[in-house]
Amino acid sequence: MADPRTSTDSIYNFVIIGLLVIVFITSWLRDKRKWFGKTGKPLGEMVEESLEQMKRKNDLLQKILEDQSRRIELLEGRKGGGKE
């Protein structure tokens, strides 16, 4: 006859192994999402893209600043020319 404790122990062993496998898979999937994001792109590629976007925004802001500076100089030149 089979010992009833042996079958119960084997069930517990399978349950524990199953839980460990589930924990391992979920942690692996979370790490994968952390490094590849929702788009599936590697972290390095996402950082490069965000740097390019920041550079473009910086260039645009620089152009706006230069344009505003020129406008201020023109306005000051007109005001200064009238006073002198």
PDB file of N, CA and C in Angstrom:
ATOM      1  N   MET A   1       0.831  -1.175   0.000  1.00  0.00           N
ATOM      2  CA  MET A   1       0.000   0.000   0.000  1.00  0.00           C
ATOM      3  C   MET A   1       0.876   1.239   0.000  1.00  0.00           C
ATOM      4  N   ALA A   2       0.346   2.265  -0.622  1.00  0.00           N
ATOM      5  CA  ALA A   2       1.090   3.525  -0.694  1.00  0.00           C
ATOM      6  C   ALA A   2       0.870   4.325   0.575  1.00  0.00           C
ATOM      7  N   ASP A   3       1.909   4.949   0.990  1.00  0.00           N
ATOM      8  CA  ASP A   3       1.834   5.792   2.188  1.00  0.00           C
ATOM      9  C   ASP A   3       1.098   7.081   1.823  1.00  0.00           C
ATOM     10  N   PRO A   4       0.012   7.449   2.531  1.00  0.00           N
ATOM     11  CA  PRO A   4      -0.744   8.652   2.164  1.00  0.00           C
ATOM     12  C   PRO A   4       0.061   9.938   2.326  1.00  0.00           C
ATOM     13  N   ARG A   5       1.025   9.934   3.246  1.00  0.00           N
ATOM     14  CA  ARG A   5       1.840  11.138   3.417  1.00  0.00           C
ATOM     15  C   ARG A   5       2.706  11.391   2.192  1.00  0.00           C
ATOM     16  N   THR A   6       3.152  10.355   1.523  1.00  0.00           N
ATOM     17  CA  THR A   6       4.022  10.508   0.366  1.00  0.00           C
ATOM     18  C   THR A   6       3.295  11.214  -0.764  1.00  0.00           C
ATOM     19  N   SER A   7       2.056  10.848  -1.033  1.00  0.00           N
ATOM     20  CA  SER A   7       1.316  11.512  -2.109  1.00  0.00           C
ATOM     21  C   SER A   7       1.013  12.963  -1.748  1.00  0.00           C
ATOM     22  N   THR A   8       0.720  13.226  -0.488  1.00  0.00           N
ATOM     23  CA  THR A   8       0.467  14.600  -0.049  1.00  0.00           C
ATOM     24  C   THR A   8       1.738  15.428  -0.143  1.00  0.00           C
ATOM     25  N   ASP A   9       2.863  14.843   0.252  1.00  0.00           N
ATOM     26  CA  ASP A   9       4.137  15.558   0.162  1.00  0.00           C
ATOM     27  C   ASP A   9       4.480  15.882  -1.285  1.00  0.00           C
ATOM     28  N   SER A  10       4.217  14.955  -2.187  1.00  0.00           N
ATOM     29  CA  SER A  10       4.541  15.217  -3.591  1.00  0.00           C
ATOM     30  C   SER A  10       3.644  16.318  -4.158  1.00  0.00           C
ATOM     31  N   ILE A  11       2.401  16.373  -3.713  1.00  0.00           N
ATOM     32  CA  ILE A  11       1.498  17.447  -4.152  1.00  0.00           C
ATOM     33  C   ILE A  11       2.023  18.784  -3.656  1.00  0.00           C
ATOM     34  N   TYR A  12       2.435  18.829  -2.381  1.00  0.00           N
ATOM     35  CA  TYR A  12       2.998  20.069  -1.839  1.00  0.00           C
ATOM     36  C   TYR A  12       4.265  20.473  -2.593  1.00  0.00           C
ATOM     37  N   ASN A  13       5.084  19.493  -2.926  1.00  0.00           N
ATOM     38  CA  ASN A  13       6.303  19.793  -3.686  1.00  0.00           C
ATOM     39  C   ASN A  13       5.962  20.406  -5.042  1.00  0.00           C
ATOM     40  N   PHE A  14       4.981  19.831  -5.729  1.00  0.00           N
ATOM     41  CA  PHE A  14       4.585  20.379  -7.028  1.00  0.00           C
ATOM     42  C   PHE A  14       4.014  21.787  -6.888  1.00  0.00           C
ATOM     43  N   VAL A  15       3.238  22.017  -5.836  1.00  0.00           N
ATOM     44  CA  VAL A  15       2.667  23.346  -5.604  1.00  0.00           C
ATOM     45  C   VAL A  15       3.777  24.357  -5.348  1.00  0.00           C
ATOM     46  N   ILE A  16       4.740  23.996  -4.524  1.00  0.00           N
ATOM     47  CA  ILE A  16       5.849  24.904  -4.221  1.00  0.00           C
ATOM     48  C   ILE A  16       6.667  25.182  -5.475  1.00  0.00           C
ATOM     49  N   ILE A  17       6.960  24.148  -6.243  1.00  0.00           N
ATOM     50  CA  ILE A  17       7.722  24.338  -7.490  1.00  0.00           C
ATOM     51  C   ILE A  17       6.926  25.209  -8.452  1.00  0.00           C
ATOM     52  N   GLY A  18       5.624  24.977  -8.545  1.00  0.00           N
ATOM     53  CA  GLY A  18       4.783  25.800  -9.422  1.00  0.00           C
ATOM     54  C   GLY A  18       4.780  27.255  -9.011  1.00  0.00           C
ATOM     55  N   LEU A  19       4.677  27.515  -7.711  1.00  0.00           N
ATOM     56  CA  LEU A  19       4.713  28.898  -7.224  1.00  0.00           C
ATOM     57  C   LEU A  19       6.055  29.556  -7.529  1.00  0.00           C
ATOM     58  N   LEU A  20       7.139  28.825  -7.338  1.00  0.00           N
ATOM     59  CA  LEU A  20       8.461  29.375  -7.649  1.00  0.00           C
ATOM     60  C   LEU A  20       8.595  29.702  -9.136  1.00  0.00           C
ATOM     61  N   VAL A  21       8.072  28.830  -9.976  1.00  0.00           N
ATOM     62  CA  VAL A  21       8.117  29.084 -11.423  1.00  0.00           C
ATOM     63  C   VAL A  21       7.294  30.316 -11.768  1.00  0.00           C
ATOM     64  N   ILE A  22       6.124  30.460 -11.180  1.00  0.00           N
ATOM     65  CA  ILE A  22       5.272  31.627 -11.442  1.00  0.00           C
ATOM     66  C   ILE A  22       5.962  32.904 -10.987  1.00  0.00           C
ATOM     67  N   VAL A  23       6.573  32.875  -9.799  1.00  0.00           N
ATOM     68  CA  VAL A  23       7.287  34.056  -9.301  1.00  0.00           C
ATOM     69  C   VAL A  23       8.448  34.399 -10.227  1.00  0.00           C
ATOM     70  N   PHE A  24       9.185  33.398 -10.656  1.00  0.00           N
ATOM     71  CA  PHE A  24      10.308  33.626 -11.560  1.00  0.00           C
ATOM     72  C   PHE A  24       9.846  34.245 -12.878  1.00  0.00           C
ATOM     73  N   ILE A  25       8.785  33.708 -13.454  1.00  0.00           N
ATOM     74  CA  ILE A  25       8.292  34.220 -14.743  1.00  0.00           C
ATOM     75  C   ILE A  25       7.774  35.646 -14.601  1.00  0.00           C
ATOM     76  N   THR A  26       7.019  35.932 -13.538  1.00  0.00           N
ATOM     77  CA  THR A  26       6.499  37.301 -13.382  1.00  0.00           C
ATOM     78  C   THR A  26       7.621  38.301 -13.143  1.00  0.00           C
ATOM     79  N   SER A  27       8.625  37.932 -12.360  1.00  0.00           N
ATOM     80  CA  SER A  27       9.740  38.870 -12.148  1.00  0.00           C
ATOM     81  C   SER A  27      10.517  39.068 -13.441  1.00  0.00           C
ATOM     82  N   TRP A  28      10.672  38.024 -14.239  1.00  0.00           N
ATOM     83  CA  TRP A  28      11.369  38.146 -15.518  1.00  0.00           C
ATOM     84  C   TRP A  28      10.596  39.068 -16.464  1.00  0.00           C
ATOM     85  N   LEU A  29       9.271  38.926 -16.500  1.00  0.00           N
ATOM     86  CA  LEU A  29       8.468  39.785 -17.371  1.00  0.00           C
ATOM     87  C   LEU A  29       8.532  41.238 -16.924  1.00  0.00           C
ATOM     88  N   ARG A  30       8.534  41.486 -15.619  1.00  0.00           N
ATOM     89  CA  ARG A  30       8.644  42.862 -15.128  1.00  0.00           C
ATOM     90  C   ARG A  30       9.986  43.465 -15.501  1.00  0.00           C
ATOM     91  N   ASP A  31      11.058  42.705 -15.353  1.00  0.00           N
ATOM     92  CA  ASP A  31      12.381  43.202 -15.742  1.00  0.00           C
ATOM     93  C   ASP A  31      12.431  43.470 -17.237  1.00  0.00           C
ATOM     94  N   LYS A  32      11.804  42.609 -18.005  1.00  0.00           N
ATOM     95  CA  LYS A  32      11.791  42.798 -19.457  1.00  0.00           C
ATOM     96  C   LYS A  32      11.071  44.095 -19.803  1.00  0.00           C
ATOM     97  N   ARG A  33       9.949  44.377 -19.161  1.00  0.00           N
ATOM     98  CA  ARG A  33       9.216  45.616 -19.413  1.00  0.00           C
ATOM     99  C   ARG A  33      10.021  46.827 -18.970  1.00  0.00           C
ATOM    100  N   LYS A  34      10.754  46.668 -17.864  1.00  0.00           N
ATOM    101  CA  LYS A  34      11.543  47.789 -17.355  1.00  0.00           C
ATOM    102  C   LYS A  34      12.645  48.155 -18.346  1.00  0.00           C
ATOM    103  N   TRP A  35      13.279  47.156 -18.941  1.00  0.00           N
ATOM    104  CA  TRP A  35      14.401  47.436 -19.838  1.00  0.00           C
ATOM    105  C   TRP A  35      13.967  47.687 -21.270  1.00  0.00           C
ATOM    106  N   PHE A  36      12.824  47.168 -21.687  1.00  0.00           N
ATOM    107  CA  PHE A  36      12.396  47.341 -23.068  1.00  0.00           C
ATOM    108  C   PHE A  36      11.167  48.219 -23.203  1.00  0.00           C
ATOM    109  N   GLY A  37      10.507  48.544 -22.122  1.00  0.00           N
ATOM    110  CA  GLY A  37       9.355  49.428 -22.167  1.00  0.00           C
ATOM    111  C   GLY A  37       8.184  48.804 -22.892  1.00  0.00           C
ATOM    112  N   LYS A  38       7.146  49.591 -23.083  1.00  0.00           N
ATOM    113  CA  LYS A  38       5.948  49.105 -23.759  1.00  0.00           C
ATOM    114  C   LYS A  38       6.167  48.990 -25.256  1.00  0.00           C
ATOM    115  N   THR A  39       7.119  49.764 -25.796  1.00  0.00           N
ATOM    116  CA  THR A  39       7.351  49.755 -27.235  1.00  0.00           C
ATOM    117  C   THR A  39       8.190  48.576 -27.674  1.00  0.00           C
ATOM    118  N   GLY A  40       8.883  47.937 -26.753  1.00  0.00           N
ATOM    119  CA  GLY A  40       9.745  46.825 -27.106  1.00  0.00           C
ATOM    120  C   GLY A  40      11.134  47.267 -27.514  1.00  0.00           C
ATOM    121  N   LYS A  41      11.409  48.559 -27.419  1.00  0.00           N
ATOM    122  CA  LYS A  41      12.734  49.070 -27.768  1.00  0.00           C
ATOM    123  C   LYS A  41      13.656  48.946 -26.561  1.00  0.00           C
ATOM    124  N   PRO A  42      14.945  48.709 -26.812  1.00  0.00           N
ATOM    125  CA  PRO A  42      15.892  48.661 -25.693  1.00  0.00           C
ATOM    126  C   PRO A  42      15.988  50.012 -24.998  1.00  0.00           C
ATOM    127  N   LEU A  43      16.394  49.986 -23.742  1.00  0.00           N
ATOM    128  CA  LEU A  43      16.479  51.201 -22.937  1.00  0.00           C
ATOM    129  C   LEU A  43      17.430  52.218 -23.564  1.00  0.00           C
ATOM    130  N   GLY A  44      18.567  51.745 -24.078  1.00  0.00           N
ATOM    131  CA  GLY A  44      19.536  52.652 -24.699  1.00  0.00           C
ATOM    132  C   GLY A  44      18.949  53.393 -25.886  1.00  0.00           C
ATOM    133  N   GLU A  45      18.174  52.696 -26.699  1.00  0.00           N
ATOM    134  CA  GLU A  45      17.552  53.325 -27.869  1.00  0.00           C
ATOM    135  C   GLU A  45      16.516  54.361 -27.446  1.00  0.00           C
ATOM    136  N   MET A  46      15.745  54.057 -26.393  1.00  0.00           N
ATOM    137  CA  MET A  46      14.756  55.025 -25.915  1.00  0.00           C
ATOM    138  C   MET A  46      15.442  56.269 -25.362  1.00  0.00           C
ATOM    139  N   VAL A  47      16.590  56.083 -24.683  1.00  0.00           N
ATOM    140  CA  VAL A  47      17.330  57.229 -24.148  1.00  0.00           C
ATOM    141  C   VAL A  47      17.865  58.086 -25.289  1.00  0.00           C
ATOM    142  N   GLU A  48      18.400  57.443 -26.333  1.00  0.00           N
ATOM    143  CA  GLU A  48      18.909  58.193 -27.489  1.00  0.00           C
ATOM    144  C   GLU A  48      17.799  59.002 -28.150  1.00  0.00           C
ATOM    145  N   GLU A  49      16.622  58.406 -28.307  1.00  0.00           N
ATOM    146  CA  GLU A  49      15.506  59.125 -28.920  1.00  0.00           C
ATOM    147  C   GLU A  49      15.082  60.320 -28.072  1.00  0.00           C
ATOM    148  N   SER A  50      15.047  60.131 -26.762  1.00  0.00           N
ATOM    149  CA  SER A  50      14.651  61.258 -25.911  1.00  0.00           C
ATOM    150  C   SER A  50      15.711  62.352 -25.938  1.00  0.00           C
ATOM    151  N   LEU A  51      16.993  61.987 -26.043  1.00  0.00           N
ATOM    152  CA  LEU A  51      18.050  62.993 -26.165  1.00  0.00           C
ATOM    153  C   LEU A  51      17.915  63.777 -27.466  1.00  0.00           C
ATOM    154  N   GLU A  52      17.592  63.076 -28.555  1.00  0.00           N
ATOM    155  CA  GLU A  52      17.393  63.759 -29.836  1.00  0.00           C
ATOM    156  C   GLU A  52      16.219  64.730 -29.750  1.00  0.00           C
ATOM    157  N   GLN A  53      15.138  64.314 -29.105  1.00  0.00           N
ATOM    158  CA  GLN A  53      13.987  65.206 -28.937  1.00  0.00           C
ATOM    159  C   GLN A  53      14.359  66.423 -28.113  1.00  0.00           C
ATOM    160  N   MET A  54      15.126  66.214 -27.052  1.00  0.00           N
ATOM    161  CA  MET A  54      15.537  67.337 -26.212  1.00  0.00           C
ATOM    162  C   MET A  54      16.439  68.293 -26.991  1.00  0.00           C
ATOM    163  N   LYS A  55      17.328  67.754 -27.834  1.00  0.00           N
ATOM    164  CA  LYS A  55      18.196  68.612 -28.647  1.00  0.00           C
ATOM    165  C   LYS A  55      17.366  69.434 -29.629  1.00  0.00           C
ATOM    166  N   ARG A  56      16.367  68.792 -30.255  1.00  0.00           N
ATOM    167  CA  ARG A  56      15.506  69.528 -31.189  1.00  0.00           C
ATOM    168  C   ARG A  56      14.748  70.643 -30.476  1.00  0.00           C
ATOM    169  N   LYS A  57      14.216  70.338 -29.302  1.00  0.00           N
ATOM    170  CA  LYS A  57      13.503  71.366 -28.534  1.00  0.00           C
ATOM    171  C   LYS A  57      14.445  72.486 -28.120  1.00  0.00           C
ATOM    172  N   ASN A  58      15.670  72.125 -27.738  1.00  0.00           N
ATOM    173  CA  ASN A  58      16.654  73.125 -27.348  1.00  0.00           C
ATOM    174  C   ASN A  58      17.002  74.025 -28.534  1.00  0.00           C
ATOM    175  N   ASP A  59      17.190  73.430 -29.724  1.00  0.00           N
ATOM    176  CA  ASP A  59      17.481  74.225 -30.922  1.00  0.00           C
ATOM    177  C   ASP A  59      16.330  75.177 -31.233  1.00  0.00           C
ATOM    178  N   LEU A  60      15.107  74.685 -31.124  1.00  0.00           N
ATOM    179  CA  LEU A  60      13.941  75.518 -31.393  1.00  0.00           C
ATOM    180  C   LEU A  60      13.862  76.674 -30.395  1.00  0.00           C
ATOM    181  N   LEU A  61      14.086  76.384 -29.122  1.00  0.00           N
ATOM    182  CA  LEU A  61      14.068  77.448 -28.115  1.00  0.00           C
ATOM    183  C   LEU A  61      15.183  78.461 -28.361  1.00  0.00           C
ATOM    184  N   GLN A  62      16.344  77.987 -28.806  1.00  0.00           N
ATOM    185  CA  GLN A  62      17.460  78.889 -29.105  1.00  0.00           C
ATOM    186  C   GLN A  62      17.091  79.824 -30.261  1.00  0.00           C
ATOM    187  N   LYS A  63      16.446  79.286 -31.295  1.00  0.00           N
ATOM    188  CA  LYS A  63      16.027  80.118 -32.428  1.00  0.00           C
ATOM    189  C   LYS A  63      14.995  81.155 -31.987  1.00  0.00           C
ATOM    190  N   ILE A  64      14.061  80.735 -31.153  1.00  0.00           N
ATOM    191  CA  ILE A  64      13.047  81.672 -30.650  1.00  0.00           C
ATOM    192  C   ILE A  64      13.711  82.769 -29.837  1.00  0.00           C
ATOM    193  N   LEU A  65      14.665  82.406 -28.991  1.00  0.00           N
ATOM    194  CA  LEU A  65      15.376  83.383 -28.167  1.00  0.00           C
ATOM    195  C   LEU A  65      16.143  84.383 -29.035  1.00  0.00           C
ATOM    196  N   GLU A  66      16.823  83.887 -30.070  1.00  0.00           N
ATOM    197  CA  GLU A  66      17.557  84.779 -30.973  1.00  0.00           C
ATOM    198  C   GLU A  66      16.602  85.726 -31.697  1.00  0.00           C
ATOM    199  N   ASP A  67      15.470  85.194 -32.151  1.00  0.00           N
ATOM    200  CA  ASP A  67      14.484  86.020 -32.845  1.00  0.00           C
ATOM    201  C   ASP A  67      13.944  87.112 -31.919  1.00  0.00           C
ATOM    202  N   GLN A  68      13.631  86.750 -30.694  1.00  0.00           N
ATOM    203  CA  GLN A  68      13.120  87.736 -29.737  1.00  0.00           C
ATOM    204  C   GLN A  68      14.184  88.783 -29.411  1.00  0.00           C
ATOM    205  N   SER A  69      15.437  88.356 -29.311  1.00  0.00           N
ATOM    206  CA  SER A  69      16.525  89.312 -29.044  1.00  0.00           C
ATOM    207  C   SER A  69      16.649  90.316 -30.180  1.00  0.00           C
ATOM    208  N   ARG A  70      16.561  89.823 -31.427  1.00  0.00           N
ATOM    209  CA  ARG A  70      16.625  90.733 -32.589  1.00  0.00           C
ATOM    210  C   ARG A  70      15.459  91.715 -32.578  1.00  0.00           C
ATOM    211  N   ARG A  71      14.284  91.235 -32.240  1.00  0.00           N
ATOM    212  CA  ARG A  71      13.115  92.120 -32.190  1.00  0.00           C
ATOM    213  C   ARG A  71      13.288  93.193 -31.117  1.00  0.00           C
ATOM    214  N   ILE A  72      13.811  92.798 -29.964  1.00  0.00           N
ATOM    215  CA  ILE A  72      14.039  93.774 -28.888  1.00  0.00           C
ATOM    216  C   ILE A  72      15.059  94.812 -29.330  1.00  0.00           C
ATOM    217  N   GLU A  73      16.133  94.364 -29.990  1.00  0.00           N
ATOM    218  CA  GLU A  73      17.152  95.305 -30.471  1.00  0.00           C
ATOM    219  C   GLU A  73      16.552  96.280 -31.478  1.00  0.00           C
ATOM    220  N   LEU A  74      15.704  95.785 -32.374  1.00  0.00           N
ATOM    221  CA  LEU A  74      15.070  96.669 -33.354  1.00  0.00           C
ATOM    222  C   LEU A  74      14.176  97.690 -32.661  1.00  0.00           C
ATOM    223  N   LEU A  75      13.392  97.227 -31.685  1.00  0.00           N
ATOM    224  CA  LEU A  75      12.510  98.150 -30.964  1.00  0.00           C
ATOM    225  C   LEU A  75      13.311  99.179 -30.173  1.00  0.00           C
ATOM    226  N   GLU A  76      14.378  98.753 -29.529  1.00  0.00           N
ATOM    227  CA  GLU A  76      15.210  99.694 -28.778  1.00  0.00           C
ATOM    228  C   GLU A  76      15.900 100.676 -29.716  1.00  0.00           C
ATOM    229  N   GLY A  77      16.302 100.197 -30.885  1.00  0.00           N
ATOM    230  CA  GLY A  77      16.935 101.078 -31.873  1.00  0.00           C
ATOM    231  C   GLY A  77      15.970 102.144 -32.353  1.00  0.00           C
ATOM    232  N   ARG A  78      14.725 101.785 -32.545  1.00  0.00           N
ATOM    233  CA  ARG A  78      13.721 102.762 -32.992  1.00  0.00           C
ATOM    234  C   ARG A  78      13.447 103.785 -31.894  1.00  0.00           C
ATOM    235  N   LYS A  79      13.329 103.296 -30.663  1.00  0.00           N
ATOM    236  CA  LYS A  79      13.068 104.213 -29.550  1.00  0.00           C
ATOM    237  C   LYS A  79      14.272 105.115 -29.313  1.00  0.00           C
ATOM    238  N   GLY A  80      15.468 104.528 -29.348  1.00  0.00           N
ATOM    239  CA  GLY A  80      16.679 105.307 -29.119  1.00  0.00           C
ATOM    240  C   GLY A  80      16.918 106.316 -30.222  1.00  0.00           C
ATOM    241  N   GLY A  81      16.596 105.957 -31.455  1.00  0.00           N
ATOM    242  CA  GLY A  81      16.790 106.864 -32.591  1.00  0.00           C
ATOM    243  C   GLY A  81      15.876 108.069 -32.508  1.00  0.00           C
ATOM    244  N   GLY A  82      14.691 107.906 -31.958  1.00  0.00           N
ATOM    245  CA  GLY A  82      13.748 109.013 -31.849  1.00  0.00           C
ATOM    246  C   GLY A  82      14.127 109.986 -30.754  1.00  0.00           C
ATOM    247  N   LYS A  83      14.772 109.520 -29.711  1.00  0.00           N
ATOM    248  CA  LYS A  83      15.125 110.371 -28.579  1.00  0.00           C
ATOM    249  C   LYS A  83      16.353 111.211 -28.880  1.00  0.00           C
ATOM    250  N   GLU A  84      17.276 110.671 -29.630  1.00  0.00           N
ATOM    251  CA  GLU A  84      18.532 111.394 -29.859  1.00  0.00           C
ATOM    252  C   GLU A  84      18.381 112.448 -30.860  1.00  0.00           C
TER     253      GLU A  84
END
